[in-house]
Amino acid sequence: MQKTSDELILFVFVAIGIIAVMMAFILTILFLYRKRQQEFEKNLARLKLDNEKAVLSTRLEIQEQTFQHISREIHDNISLALTLAKLNLHTLDWDNREKSAVKVDSAVELLTQSITQLNDLSKSLDADIIGQQGLLAAIEEERQRIEKIGTFHICYSVSGNPVYMNSQAELVIFRIIQEAFNNIIKHARAGTVSLALHYNNRTLQLKIEDDGAGFDTETILTGQHAGLKNMEARTQLLGGQMEINSRPGRGTTLNFTIPFETP
């Protein structure tokens, strides 16, 4: 009987010991899990903060590029036209009515041209243009505006099943296209530019190709192509990818793959 009682007590102590070990093991596991969870949350918060900083930096850079674009447009076109108009009016010879009339007509034409350019510039920079017209109509209007300058001809095509995307996403895509056109005007010396949009099931394939001067793609790493970096940054904001193909004297092709969700 005493032996049985001793065995029972031993069994209880062993059971208690096993339970204690199991509890310690479980608590250790829970502690390590909680510690890893906290580290994960800290890393996630840090990544989120880094991403927000990157997005903010990109948006500020894009905004700065937009301001530079406005400045160039005003300086290169509108400012020159207004200066010429002022010169014509300032040098009027009231004793020669015929010559003065020609100068007045020229000044009026230059002022009208400046007003038109300001109106076109305002429309191209207005974010509401997407909400009012949609991406495709806005691109067509931008194509017509650029072709009025006479720098190059634009072949514009749309294929697949076009969809209305989120207005903010369409605006970013529109700015990408504007940046590409601006780069071509400034650097490419192209005669013809091809702009093609193809809507797949869940992605937009955007291709912009010119027959201009081209460049060595390795120079992108040296910071000589801020416009291309801005386009890539915009593309990344949409979760897309950008591919650049170019060679000196062989033109440039930009391919964008942009995923989308319909609103």
Protein backbone atom coordinates (compact mmCIF):
# COMPACT_ATOMS: atom_id res chain seq x y z
CA MET A 1 0.00 0.00 0.00
CA GLN A 2 2.85 2.37 0.92
CA LYS A 3 4.50 1.53 -2.39
CA THR A 4 1.39 2.44 -4.32
CA SER A 5 1.09 5.75 -2.47
CA ASP A 6 4.71 6.58 -3.21
CA GLU A 7 4.24 5.75 -6.88
CA LEU A 8 1.16 7.98 -7.00
CA ILE A 9 3.03 10.87 -5.40
CA LEU A 10 5.93 10.34 -7.82
CA PHE A 11 3.52 10.30 -10.73
CA VAL A 12 1.91 13.55 -9.56
CA PHE A 13 5.31 15.26 -9.23
CA VAL A 14 6.38 13.98 -12.64
CA ALA A 15 3.10 15.17 -14.17
CA ILE A 16 3.48 18.55 -12.50
CA GLY A 17 7.05 18.75 -13.79
CA ILE A 18 5.99 17.89 -17.33
CA ILE A 19 3.17 20.43 -17.21
CA ALA A 20 5.58 23.04 -15.83
CA VAL A 21 8.05 22.31 -18.64
CA MET A 22 5.25 22.47 -21.22
CA MET A 23 3.97 25.76 -19.78
CA ALA A 24 7.49 27.19 -19.84
CA PHE A 25 7.88 26.01 -23.43
CA ILE A 26 4.54 27.52 -24.44
CA LEU A 27 5.32 30.81 -22.69
CA THR A 28 8.72 30.91 -24.39
CA ILE A 29 7.10 30.29 -27.77
CA LEU A 30 4.51 33.01 -27.10
CA PHE A 31 7.23 35.42 -25.97
CA LEU A 32 9.32 34.77 -29.09
CA TYR A 33 6.23 35.03 -31.30
CA ARG A 34 5.25 38.34 -29.71
CA LYS A 35 8.81 39.63 -30.03
CA ARG A 36 8.92 38.69 -33.72
CA GLN A 37 5.47 40.21 -34.23
CA GLN A 38 6.66 43.46 -32.66
CA GLU A 39 9.78 43.44 -34.86
CA PHE A 40 7.62 42.75 -37.89
CA GLU A 41 5.29 45.63 -36.99
CA LYS A 42 8.29 47.94 -36.50
CA ASN A 43 9.77 46.89 -39.85
CA LEU A 44 6.38 47.31 -41.51
CA ALA A 45 5.98 50.77 -40.00
CA ARG A 46 9.51 51.68 -41.10
CA LEU A 47 8.87 50.41 -44.64
CA LYS A 48 5.58 52.30 -44.74
CA LEU A 49 7.34 55.47 -43.59
CA ASP A 50 10.13 54.98 -46.14
CA ASN A 51 7.54 54.39 -48.86
CA GLU A 52 5.61 57.50 -47.86
CA LYS A 53 8.84 59.50 -47.94
CA ALA A 54 9.67 58.09 -51.37
CA VAL A 55 6.19 58.88 -52.68
CA LEU A 56 6.34 62.39 -51.23
CA SER A 57 9.80 62.93 -52.72
CA THR A 58 8.57 61.70 -56.08
CA ARG A 59 5.53 63.94 -55.98
CA LEU A 60 7.65 66.95 -55.06
CA GLU A 61 10.04 66.16 -57.90
CA ILE A 62 7.13 65.77 -60.31
CA GLN A 63 5.69 69.07 -59.08
CA GLU A 64 9.06 70.76 -59.59
CA GLN A 65 9.23 69.38 -63.13
CA THR A 66 5.73 70.72 -63.78
CA PHE A 67 6.79 74.18 -62.61
CA GLN A 68 9.84 74.00 -64.88
CA HIS A 69 7.60 73.01 -67.78
CA ILE A 70 5.35 76.02 -67.16
CA SER A 71 8.39 78.28 -66.91
CA ARG A 72 9.84 77.03 -70.20
CA GLU A 73 6.51 77.34 -72.02
CA ILE A 74 6.05 80.93 -70.82
CA HIS A 75 9.66 81.92 -71.49
CA ASP A 76 10.11 80.23 -74.89
CA ASN A 77 6.75 81.03 -76.45
CA ILE A 78 4.44 83.42 -74.62
CA SER A 79 7.10 85.81 -73.32
CA LEU A 80 8.67 86.16 -76.77
CA ALA A 81 5.30 86.85 -78.44
CA LEU A 82 4.39 89.49 -75.85
CA THR A 83 7.80 91.14 -76.20
CA LEU A 84 7.37 91.37 -79.97
CA ALA A 85 3.85 92.76 -79.54
CA LYS A 86 5.18 95.38 -77.12
CA LEU A 87 7.97 96.27 -79.55
CA ASN A 88 5.49 96.71 -82.41
CA LEU A 89 3.26 99.00 -80.35
CA HIS A 90 6.19 100.92 -78.90
CA THR A 91 7.65 101.73 -82.32
CA LEU A 92 4.46 102.96 -83.98
CA ASP A 93 5.02 105.81 -86.40
CA TRP A 94 1.89 107.94 -86.19
CA ASP A 95 2.96 109.86 -89.30
CA ASN A 96 2.86 106.67 -91.35
CA ARG A 97 -0.64 105.27 -90.92
CA GLU A 98 -0.13 102.34 -93.31
CA LYS A 99 3.01 101.12 -91.58
CA SER A 100 1.44 101.64 -88.14
CA ALA A 101 -1.63 99.64 -89.14
CA VAL A 102 0.59 96.70 -90.12
CA LYS A 103 2.36 96.85 -86.75
CA VAL A 104 -0.94 97.05 -84.86
CA ASP A 105 -2.28 94.05 -86.77
CA SER A 106 0.93 92.14 -86.02
CA ALA A 107 0.69 93.04 -82.33
CA VAL A 108 -2.95 91.91 -82.20
CA GLU A 109 -2.01 88.63 -83.87
CA LEU A 110 0.81 88.07 -81.39
CA LEU A 111 -1.48 88.84 -78.44
CA THR A 112 -4.10 86.44 -79.80
CA GLN A 113 -1.41 83.79 -80.22
CA SER A 114 -0.26 84.33 -76.62
CA ILE A 115 -3.81 84.03 -75.28
CA THR A 116 -4.29 80.79 -77.24
CA GLN A 117 -1.00 79.37 -75.94
CA LEU A 118 -1.89 80.32 -72.36
CA ASN A 119 -5.28 78.66 -72.79
CA ASP A 120 -3.69 75.50 -74.22
CA LEU A 121 -1.08 75.43 -71.44
CA SER A 122 -3.78 75.89 -68.80
CA LYS A 123 -5.81 73.03 -70.25
CA SER A 124 -2.81 70.70 -70.45
CA LEU A 125 -1.91 71.34 -66.79
CA ASP A 126 -5.46 71.24 -65.43
CA ALA A 127 -6.02 68.03 -63.47
CA ASP A 128 -9.78 68.33 -64.10
CA ILE A 129 -9.19 67.64 -67.79
CA ILE A 130 -9.17 63.91 -67.00
CA GLY A 131 -12.38 64.02 -64.99
CA GLN A 132 -14.10 66.10 -67.63
CA GLN A 133 -12.92 64.30 -70.77
CA GLY A 134 -11.26 61.03 -69.78
CA LEU A 135 -7.73 59.91 -70.57
CA LEU A 136 -8.13 59.16 -74.29
CA ALA A 137 -9.84 62.46 -75.14
CA ALA A 138 -7.25 64.37 -73.10
CA ILE A 139 -4.43 62.65 -75.01
CA GLU A 140 -6.05 63.53 -78.34
CA GLU A 141 -6.33 67.18 -77.30
CA GLU A 142 -2.69 67.18 -76.18
CA ARG A 143 -1.67 65.61 -79.52
CA GLN A 144 -3.43 68.38 -81.42
CA ARG A 145 -1.85 71.04 -79.21
CA ILE A 146 1.66 69.73 -79.82
CA GLU A 147 1.15 69.25 -83.55
CA LYS A 148 0.20 72.94 -83.82
CA ILE A 149 3.80 73.70 -82.84
CA GLY A 150 4.89 71.81 -85.96
CA THR A 151 7.88 70.08 -84.34
CA PHE A 152 6.84 66.53 -85.26
CA HIS A 153 3.87 64.41 -86.35
CA ILE A 154 2.18 62.12 -83.82
CA CYS A 155 0.58 58.80 -84.81
CA TYR A 156 -1.94 58.01 -82.06
CA SER A 157 -3.73 54.65 -81.77
CA VAL A 158 -5.83 52.82 -79.18
CA SER A 159 -6.58 49.08 -79.22
CA GLY A 160 -8.16 46.47 -76.99
CA ASN A 161 -11.16 47.33 -74.83
CA PRO A 162 -10.60 50.78 -73.29
CA VAL A 163 -11.90 51.20 -69.76
CA TYR A 164 -12.36 54.18 -67.48
CA MET A 165 -9.70 53.86 -64.83
CA ASN A 166 -9.39 55.65 -61.52
CA SER A 167 -9.16 59.37 -62.36
CA GLN A 168 -5.95 59.82 -60.33
CA ALA A 169 -4.29 56.92 -62.16
CA GLU A 170 -5.38 58.32 -65.54
CA LEU A 171 -3.94 61.70 -64.58
CA VAL A 172 -0.56 60.11 -63.73
CA ILE A 173 -0.58 58.27 -67.09
CA PHE A 174 -1.40 61.54 -68.85
CA ARG A 175 1.54 63.24 -67.11
CA ILE A 176 3.82 60.38 -68.21
CA ILE A 177 2.81 60.97 -71.82
CA GLN A 178 3.26 64.72 -71.46
CA GLU A 179 6.75 64.20 -70.00
CA ALA A 180 7.65 61.89 -72.90
CA PHE A 181 6.48 64.46 -75.47
CA ASN A 182 8.36 67.20 -73.63
CA ASN A 183 11.58 65.14 -73.70
CA ILE A 184 11.15 64.47 -77.42
CA ILE A 185 10.62 68.17 -78.13
CA LYS A 186 13.71 69.13 -76.11
CA HIS A 187 16.16 66.40 -77.09
CA ALA A 188 15.08 63.98 -79.81
CA ARG A 189 14.86 66.14 -82.97
CA ALA A 190 12.30 63.61 -84.19
CA GLY A 191 10.10 63.86 -87.27
CA THR A 192 7.51 61.26 -86.29
CA VAL A 193 6.32 59.99 -82.92
CA SER A 194 4.12 56.94 -82.36
CA LEU A 195 1.85 56.74 -79.32
CA ALA A 196 -0.02 53.44 -78.86
CA LEU A 197 -2.26 52.33 -76.01
CA HIS A 198 -3.39 48.73 -75.75
CA TYR A 199 -5.83 47.64 -73.06
CA ASN A 200 -5.40 44.04 -71.93
CA ASN A 201 -7.57 42.31 -69.35
CA ARG A 202 -6.02 44.00 -66.30
CA THR A 203 -3.10 46.02 -67.69
CA LEU A 204 -2.52 48.96 -69.98
CA GLN A 205 0.37 48.60 -72.44
CA LEU A 206 1.67 52.04 -73.36
CA LYS A 207 4.25 52.47 -76.11
CA ILE A 208 5.89 55.76 -77.13
CA GLU A 209 8.35 55.59 -80.02
CA ASP A 210 10.24 58.29 -81.91
CA ASP A 211 12.65 58.36 -84.86
CA GLY A 212 14.90 60.94 -83.27
CA ALA A 213 18.50 61.15 -82.14
CA GLY A 214 18.34 58.43 -79.49
CA PHE A 215 20.90 58.08 -76.70
CA ASP A 216 23.09 55.63 -74.81
CA THR A 217 20.85 54.06 -72.16
CA GLU A 218 23.82 53.69 -69.79
CA THR A 219 23.82 57.49 -69.33
CA ILE A 220 20.53 57.15 -67.43
CA LEU A 221 22.57 56.04 -64.42
CA THR A 222 24.60 59.24 -64.51
CA GLY A 223 21.57 61.46 -63.86
CA GLN A 224 21.51 63.08 -67.30
CA HIS A 225 17.90 62.09 -68.00
CA ALA A 226 15.74 63.51 -65.22
CA GLY A 227 12.65 63.31 -67.43
CA LEU A 228 13.02 59.56 -67.85
CA LYS A 229 13.47 59.13 -64.11
CA ASN A 230 10.32 61.14 -63.49
CA MET A 231 8.38 58.91 -65.88
CA GLU A 232 9.73 55.81 -64.15
CA ALA A 233 8.81 57.26 -60.74
CA ARG A 234 5.27 57.97 -61.93
CA THR A 235 5.02 54.44 -63.34
CA GLN A 236 6.14 52.95 -60.02
CA LEU A 237 3.48 55.00 -58.23
CA LEU A 238 0.94 53.01 -60.25
CA GLY A 239 2.69 49.70 -59.54
CA GLY A 240 3.83 49.46 -63.17
CA GLN A 241 7.05 48.88 -65.06
CA MET A 242 8.93 50.97 -67.61
CA GLU A 243 11.33 49.69 -70.26
CA ILE A 244 13.67 51.91 -72.29
CA ASN A 245 15.17 50.93 -75.64
CA SER A 246 17.39 53.47 -77.39
CA ARG A 247 20.59 53.81 -79.37
CA PRO A 248 22.33 56.94 -80.66
CA GLY A 249 20.92 57.76 -84.07
CA ARG A 250 18.27 55.01 -83.85
CA GLY A 251 15.48 56.73 -81.96
CA THR A 252 13.90 55.76 -78.65
CA THR A 253 11.12 53.39 -77.60
CA LEU A 254 9.47 53.54 -74.20
CA ASN A 255 7.27 50.63 -73.09
CA PHE A 256 5.05 50.87 -70.02
CA THR A 257 3.05 48.08 -68.40
CA ILE A 258 0.55 49.57 -65.98
CA PRO A 259 -1.92 47.45 -63.96
CA PHE A 260 -5.30 49.00 -63.32
CA GLU A 261 -8.51 48.52 -61.42
CA THR A 262 -11.73 49.93 -62.79
CA PRO A 263 -13.49 52.30 -60.37
